[in-house]
C-alpha atoms as a PDB file:
ATOM      1  CA  UNK A   1     -95.441  66.351 -74.525  1.00  0.00           C
ATOM      2  CA  UNK A   2     -97.162  64.937 -71.467  1.00  0.00           C
ATOM      3  CA  UNK A   3     -94.935  61.898 -71.924  1.00  0.00           C
ATOM      4  CA  UNK A   4     -92.057  63.632 -70.148  1.00  0.00           C
ATOM      5  CA  UNK A   5     -93.877  63.434 -66.814  1.00  0.00           C
ATOM      6  CA  UNK A   6     -94.835  59.802 -67.443  1.00  0.00           C
ATOM      7  CA  UNK A   7     -91.224  59.026 -68.345  1.00  0.00           C
ATOM      8  CA  UNK A   8     -90.093  60.524 -65.043  1.00  0.00           C
ATOM      9  CA  UNK A   9     -92.212  57.866 -63.328  1.00  0.00           C
ATOM     10  CA  UNK A  10     -90.910  55.148 -65.679  1.00  0.00           C
ATOM     11  CA  UNK A  11     -94.470  54.758 -66.964  1.00  0.00           C
ATOM     12  CA  UNK A  12     -96.301  54.319 -63.659  1.00  0.00           C
ATOM     13  CA  UNK A  13     -96.078  56.432 -60.521  1.00  0.00           C
ATOM     14  CA  UNK A  14     -97.644  53.660 -58.473  1.00  0.00           C
ATOM     15  CA  UNK A  15     -95.099  51.047 -59.590  1.00  0.00           C
ATOM     16  CA  UNK A  16     -92.184  53.424 -59.269  1.00  0.00           C
ATOM     17  CA  UNK A  17     -92.943  54.576 -55.732  1.00  0.00           C
ATOM     18  CA  UNK A  18     -94.235  51.157 -54.598  1.00  0.00           C
ATOM     19  CA  UNK A  19     -90.859  49.666 -55.512  1.00  0.00           C
ATOM     20  CA  UNK A  20     -89.145  52.189 -53.233  1.00  0.00           C
ATOM     21  CA  UNK A  21     -91.662  51.493 -50.449  1.00  0.00           C
ATOM     22  CA  UNK A  22     -91.011  47.739 -50.735  1.00  0.00           C
ATOM     23  CA  UNK A  23     -87.276  48.288 -50.368  1.00  0.00           C
ATOM     24  CA  UNK A  24     -87.851  50.480 -47.323  1.00  0.00           C
ATOM     25  CA  UNK A  25     -90.044  47.831 -45.737  1.00  0.00           C
ATOM     26  CA  UNK A  26     -87.173  45.360 -46.202  1.00  0.00           C
ATOM     27  CA  UNK A  27     -84.989  47.437 -43.874  1.00  0.00           C
ATOM     28  CA  UNK A  28     -84.460  45.584 -40.635  1.00  0.00           C
ATOM     29  CA  UNK A  29     -82.670  46.551 -37.479  1.00  0.00           C
ATOM     30  CA  UNK A  30     -81.990  42.960 -36.492  1.00  0.00           C
ATOM     31  CA  UNK A  31     -78.786  43.060 -38.517  1.00  0.00           C
ATOM     32  CA  UNK A  32     -77.667  46.331 -36.960  1.00  0.00           C
ATOM     33  CA  UNK A  33     -74.442  46.513 -35.056  1.00  0.00           C
ATOM     34  CA  UNK A  34     -74.112  48.044 -31.621  1.00  0.00           C
ATOM     35  CA  UNK A  35     -70.798  49.728 -30.913  1.00  0.00           C
ATOM     36  CA  UNK A  36     -69.715  52.863 -29.097  1.00  0.00           C
ATOM     37  CA  UNK A  37     -73.183  53.131 -27.520  1.00  0.00           C
ATOM     38  CA  UNK A  38     -74.844  53.434 -30.940  1.00  0.00           C
ATOM     39  CA  UNK A  39     -76.669  51.226 -33.417  1.00  0.00           C
ATOM     40  CA  UNK A  40     -75.304  51.163 -36.935  1.00  0.00           C
ATOM     41  CA  UNK A  41     -76.924  49.603 -39.968  1.00  0.00           C
ATOM     42  CA  UNK A  42     -75.367  46.435 -41.281  1.00  0.00           C
ATOM     43  CA  UNK A  43     -73.456  46.819 -44.529  1.00  0.00           C
ATOM     44  CA  UNK A  44     -76.328  45.159 -46.401  1.00  0.00           C
ATOM     45  CA  UNK A  45     -78.929  47.525 -44.926  1.00  0.00           C
ATOM     46  CA  UNK A  46     -76.662  50.539 -45.417  1.00  0.00           C
ATOM     47  CA  UNK A  47     -76.334  49.606 -49.087  1.00  0.00           C
ATOM     48  CA  UNK A  48     -80.127  49.242 -49.324  1.00  0.00           C
ATOM     49  CA  UNK A  49     -80.633  52.693 -47.766  1.00  0.00           C
ATOM     50  CA  UNK A  50     -78.239  54.218 -50.280  1.00  0.00           C
ATOM     51  CA  UNK A  51     -80.196  52.567 -53.105  1.00  0.00           C
ATOM     52  CA  UNK A  52     -83.472  53.937 -51.687  1.00  0.00           C
ATOM     53  CA  UNK A  53     -82.066  57.455 -51.331  1.00  0.00           C
ATOM     54  CA  UNK A  54     -80.586  57.218 -54.830  1.00  0.00           C
ATOM     55  CA  UNK A  55     -83.924  56.180 -56.333  1.00  0.00           C
ATOM     56  CA  UNK A  56     -85.797  58.940 -54.504  1.00  0.00           C
ATOM     57  CA  UNK A  57     -83.248  61.540 -55.592  1.00  0.00           C
ATOM     58  CA  UNK A  58     -83.254  60.217 -59.177  1.00  0.00           C
ATOM     59  CA  UNK A  59     -87.057  60.412 -59.317  1.00  0.00           C
ATOM     60  CA  UNK A  60     -86.937  63.948 -57.906  1.00  0.00           C
ATOM     61  CA  UNK A  61     -84.313  64.979 -60.455  1.00  0.00           C
ATOM     62  CA  UNK A  62     -86.409  63.653 -63.355  1.00  0.00           C
ATOM     63  CA  UNK A  63     -89.475  65.540 -62.125  1.00  0.00           C
ATOM     64  CA  UNK A  64     -87.454  68.740 -61.633  1.00  0.00           C
ATOM     65  CA  UNK A  65     -86.186  68.435 -65.216  1.00  0.00           C
ATOM     66  CA  UNK A  66     -89.772  67.965 -66.426  1.00  0.00           C
ATOM     67  CA  UNK A  67     -90.798  71.026 -64.415  1.00  0.00           C
ATOM     68  CA  UNK A  68     -88.014  73.118 -65.972  1.00  0.00           C
ATOM     69  CA  UNK A  69     -89.019  72.017 -69.468  1.00  0.00           C
ATOM     70  CA  UNK A  70     -92.674  72.830 -68.767  1.00  0.00           C
ATOM     71  CA  UNK A  71     -91.702  76.204 -67.335  1.00  0.00           C
ATOM     72  CA  UNK A  72     -89.818  77.092 -70.540  1.00  0.00           C
ATOM     73  CA  UNK A  73     -92.583  75.878 -72.845  1.00  0.00           C
ATOM     74  CA  UNK A  74     -94.954  78.182 -74.682  1.00  0.00           C
ATOM     75  CA  UNK A  75     -97.647  75.468 -74.564  1.00  0.00           C
ATOM     76  CA  UNK A  76     -97.689  74.436 -70.917  1.00  0.00           C
ATOM     77  CA  UNK A  77    -101.177  72.932 -71.162  1.00  0.00           C
ATOM     78  CA  UNK A  78     -99.934  70.286 -73.613  1.00  0.00           C
ATOM     79  CA  UNK A  79     -98.001  68.619 -70.786  1.00  0.00           C
ATOM     80  CA  UNK A  80    -101.118  67.864 -68.744  1.00  0.00           C
ATOM     81  CA  UNK A  81    -103.512  65.384 -70.304  1.00  0.00           C
ATOM     82  CA  UNK A  82    -105.951  63.358 -68.191  1.00  0.00           C
ATOM     83  CA  UNK A  83    -103.576  60.403 -67.806  1.00  0.00           C
ATOM     84  CA  UNK A  84    -100.731  62.632 -66.620  1.00  0.00           C
ATOM     85  CA  UNK A  85    -102.976  64.406 -64.128  1.00  0.00           C
ATOM     86  CA  UNK A  86    -104.153  61.039 -62.788  1.00  0.00           C
ATOM     87  CA  UNK A  87    -100.545  59.861 -62.441  1.00  0.00           C
ATOM     88  CA  UNK A  88     -99.654  63.002 -60.503  1.00  0.00           C
ATOM     89  CA  UNK A  89    -102.538  62.371 -58.099  1.00  0.00           C
ATOM     90  CA  UNK A  90    -101.443  58.742 -57.677  1.00  0.00           C
ATOM     91  CA  UNK A  91     -97.834  59.826 -57.137  1.00  0.00           C
ATOM     92  CA  UNK A  92     -98.911  62.398 -54.565  1.00  0.00           C
ATOM     93  CA  UNK A  93    -100.940  59.797 -52.659  1.00  0.00           C
ATOM     94  CA  UNK A  94     -98.145  57.216 -52.817  1.00  0.00           C
ATOM     95  CA  UNK A  95     -95.430  59.570 -51.616  1.00  0.00           C
ATOM     96  CA  UNK A  96     -97.595  60.798 -48.738  1.00  0.00           C
ATOM     97  CA  UNK A  97     -98.279  57.191 -47.723  1.00  0.00           C
ATOM     98  CA  UNK A  98     -94.559  56.504 -47.993  1.00  0.00           C
ATOM     99  CA  UNK A  99     -93.828  59.414 -45.676  1.00  0.00           C
ATOM    100  CA  UNK A 100     -96.320  58.013 -43.170  1.00  0.00           C
ATOM    101  CA  UNK A 101     -94.552  54.640 -43.343  1.00  0.00           C
ATOM    102  CA  UNK A 102     -91.194  56.350 -42.833  1.00  0.00           C
ATOM    103  CA  UNK A 103     -92.531  58.273 -39.841  1.00  0.00           C
ATOM    104  CA  UNK A 104     -93.909  55.066 -38.310  1.00  0.00           C
ATOM    105  CA  UNK A 105     -90.639  53.239 -38.954  1.00  0.00           C
ATOM    106  CA  UNK A 106     -88.714  56.155 -37.480  1.00  0.00           C
ATOM    107  CA  UNK A 107     -90.907  56.195 -34.348  1.00  0.00           C
ATOM    108  CA  UNK A 108     -90.498  52.438 -33.946  1.00  0.00           C
ATOM    109  CA  UNK A 109     -86.737  52.761 -34.212  1.00  0.00           C
ATOM    110  CA  UNK A 110     -86.646  55.702 -31.806  1.00  0.00           C
ATOM    111  CA  UNK A 111     -88.685  53.847 -29.198  1.00  0.00           C
ATOM    112  CA  UNK A 112     -86.760  50.601 -29.533  1.00  0.00           C
ATOM    113  CA  UNK A 113     -83.211  51.857 -29.338  1.00  0.00           C
ATOM    114  CA  UNK A 114     -81.126  54.602 -27.844  1.00  0.00           C
ATOM    115  CA  UNK A 115     -79.338  56.104 -30.807  1.00  0.00           C
ATOM    116  CA  UNK A 116     -77.299  59.182 -31.609  1.00  0.00           C
ATOM    117  CA  UNK A 117     -74.737  60.629 -34.016  1.00  0.00           C
ATOM    118  CA  UNK A 118     -74.345  59.041 -37.437  1.00  0.00           C
ATOM    119  CA  UNK A 119     -76.690  56.258 -36.441  1.00  0.00           C
ATOM    120  CA  UNK A 120     -79.775  54.544 -37.767  1.00  0.00           C
ATOM    121  CA  UNK A 121     -81.966  57.559 -36.979  1.00  0.00           C
ATOM    122  CA  UNK A 122     -79.661  59.895 -38.911  1.00  0.00           C
ATOM    123  CA  UNK A 123     -79.783  57.605 -41.909  1.00  0.00           C
ATOM    124  CA  UNK A 124     -83.586  57.382 -41.704  1.00  0.00           C
ATOM    125  CA  UNK A 125     -83.654  61.170 -41.567  1.00  0.00           C
ATOM    126  CA  UNK A 126     -81.805  61.248 -44.900  1.00  0.00           C
ATOM    127  CA  UNK A 127     -84.415  58.923 -46.418  1.00  0.00           C
ATOM    128  CA  UNK A 128     -87.214  61.115 -45.035  1.00  0.00           C
ATOM    129  CA  UNK A 129     -85.576  64.247 -46.483  1.00  0.00           C
ATOM    130  CA  UNK A 130     -85.273  62.627 -49.920  1.00  0.00           C
ATOM    131  CA  UNK A 131     -88.937  61.581 -49.751  1.00  0.00           C
ATOM    132  CA  UNK A 132     -89.932  65.145 -48.797  1.00  0.00           C
ATOM    133  CA  UNK A 133     -88.011  66.510 -51.800  1.00  0.00           C
ATOM    134  CA  UNK A 134     -89.845  64.090 -54.086  1.00  0.00           C
ATOM    135  CA  UNK A 135     -93.196  65.110 -52.575  1.00  0.00           C
ATOM    136  CA  UNK A 136     -92.297  68.743 -53.212  1.00  0.00           C
ATOM    137  CA  UNK A 137     -91.395  68.045 -56.861  1.00  0.00           C
ATOM    138  CA  UNK A 138     -94.719  66.253 -57.366  1.00  0.00           C
ATOM    139  CA  UNK A 139     -96.536  69.093 -55.608  1.00  0.00           C
ATOM    140  CA  UNK A 140     -94.882  71.681 -57.845  1.00  0.00           C
ATOM    141  CA  UNK A 141     -96.136  69.915 -60.980  1.00  0.00           C
ATOM    142  CA  UNK A 142     -99.614  69.589 -59.478  1.00  0.00           C
ATOM    143  CA  UNK A 143     -99.538  73.303 -58.695  1.00  0.00           C
ATOM    144  CA  UNK A 144     -98.812  74.152 -62.335  1.00  0.00           C
ATOM    145  CA  UNK A 145    -101.730  71.964 -63.419  1.00  0.00           C
ATOM    146  CA  UNK A 146    -104.041  73.619 -60.851  1.00  0.00           C
ATOM    147  CA  UNK A 147    -103.048  77.073 -62.095  1.00  0.00           C
ATOM    148  CA  UNK A 148    -103.801  76.010 -65.672  1.00  0.00           C
ATOM    149  CA  UNK A 149    -107.184  74.638 -64.645  1.00  0.00           C
ATOM    150  CA  UNK A 150    -108.118  77.896 -62.887  1.00  0.00           C
ATOM    151  CA  UNK A 151    -106.874  79.964 -65.830  1.00  0.00           C
ATOM    152  CA  UNK A 152    -108.870  77.907 -68.326  1.00  0.00           C
ATOM    153  CA  UNK A 153    -112.046  78.228 -66.243  1.00  0.00           C
ATOM    154  CA  UNK A 154    -111.607  82.005 -66.063  1.00  0.00           C
ATOM    155  CA  UNK A 155    -111.068  82.189 -69.821  1.00  0.00           C
ATOM    156  CA  UNK A 156    -114.668  81.161 -70.486  1.00  0.00           C
ATOM    157  CA  UNK A 157    -116.402  83.116 -67.739  1.00  0.00           C
ATOM    158  CA  UNK A 158    -118.428  86.051 -68.907  1.00  0.00           C
ATOM    159  CA  UNK A 159    -117.487  89.350 -67.427  1.00  0.00           C
ATOM    160  CA  UNK A 160    -119.938  91.849 -66.079  1.00  0.00           C
ATOM    161  CA  UNK A 161    -118.950  95.456 -65.706  1.00  0.00           C
ATOM    162  CA  UNK A 162    -121.087  97.506 -63.368  1.00  0.00           C
ATOM    163  CA  UNK A 163    -121.625 100.939 -64.898  1.00  0.00           C
ATOM    164  CA  UNK A 164    -123.973 103.672 -63.726  1.00  0.00           C
ATOM    165  CA  UNK A 165    -126.170 103.048 -66.766  1.00  0.00           C
ATOM    166  CA  UNK A 166    -126.489  99.355 -65.870  1.00  0.00           C
ATOM    167  CA  UNK A 167    -127.198 100.205 -62.217  1.00  0.00           C
ATOM    168  CA  UNK A 168    -129.988 102.565 -63.302  1.00  0.00           C
ATOM    169  CA  UNK A 169    -131.504  99.909 -65.587  1.00  0.00           C
ATOM    170  CA  UNK A 170    -131.270  97.323 -62.795  1.00  0.00           C
ATOM    171  CA  UNK A 171    -133.029  99.666 -60.337  1.00  0.00           C
ATOM    172  CA  UNK A 172    -135.794 100.385 -62.852  1.00  0.00           C
ATOM    173  CA  UNK A 173    -136.269  96.675 -63.569  1.00  0.00           C
ATOM    174  CA  UNK A 174    -136.403  95.894 -59.838  1.00  0.00           C
ATOM    175  CA  UNK A 175    -138.950  98.660 -59.192  1.00  0.00           C
ATOM    176  CA  UNK A 176    -141.047  97.487 -62.153  1.00  0.00           C
ATOM    177  CA  UNK A 177    -141.001  93.915 -60.839  1.00  0.00           C
ATOM    178  CA  UNK A 178    -141.998  95.063 -57.349  1.00  0.00           C
ATOM    179  CA  UNK A 179    -144.887  97.245 -58.592  1.00  0.00           C
ATOM    180  CA  UNK A 180    -146.192  94.548 -60.946  1.00  0.00           C
ATOM    181  CA  UNK A 181    -146.377  92.019 -58.074  1.00  0.00           C
ATOM    182  CA  UNK A 182    -148.057  94.468 -55.684  1.00  0.00           C
END
């Protein structure tokens, strides 16, 4: 059952997200057009941005579907083996790094050009929003796994009920230990 999460990443979270990062790094402003006091992406770059957004949204959709299936399952723990948990951690790291790259790229674009309206910055904002949605989907799955881990640890903890009888016995044992050491 854990295969559904792996399938959402097409087998490898690192490869899946790295491919999107590589496409984002290929975005260049040199081919941008300047008209009406704004910079617009070239048709080639605009197409690339749409592919990036599409891949991010597709990845998010697959993870949301996995989340819904897990939520409906009676055996939630069967979805989280060690490999799946590792992939979620890798995916979380990759998407956070991707967001840092997007923020840096956005800052570079903001500092280099005066832009407004439906411009390069607006398009980058759409990419950043899609990346944030993917991060949230990954985080939701990690949250389920964390809850399972906490629940399984609590399952094996011994419980100790404090009753007046136990308090009395504890006091007597403490007093006996104190008097024997005196």
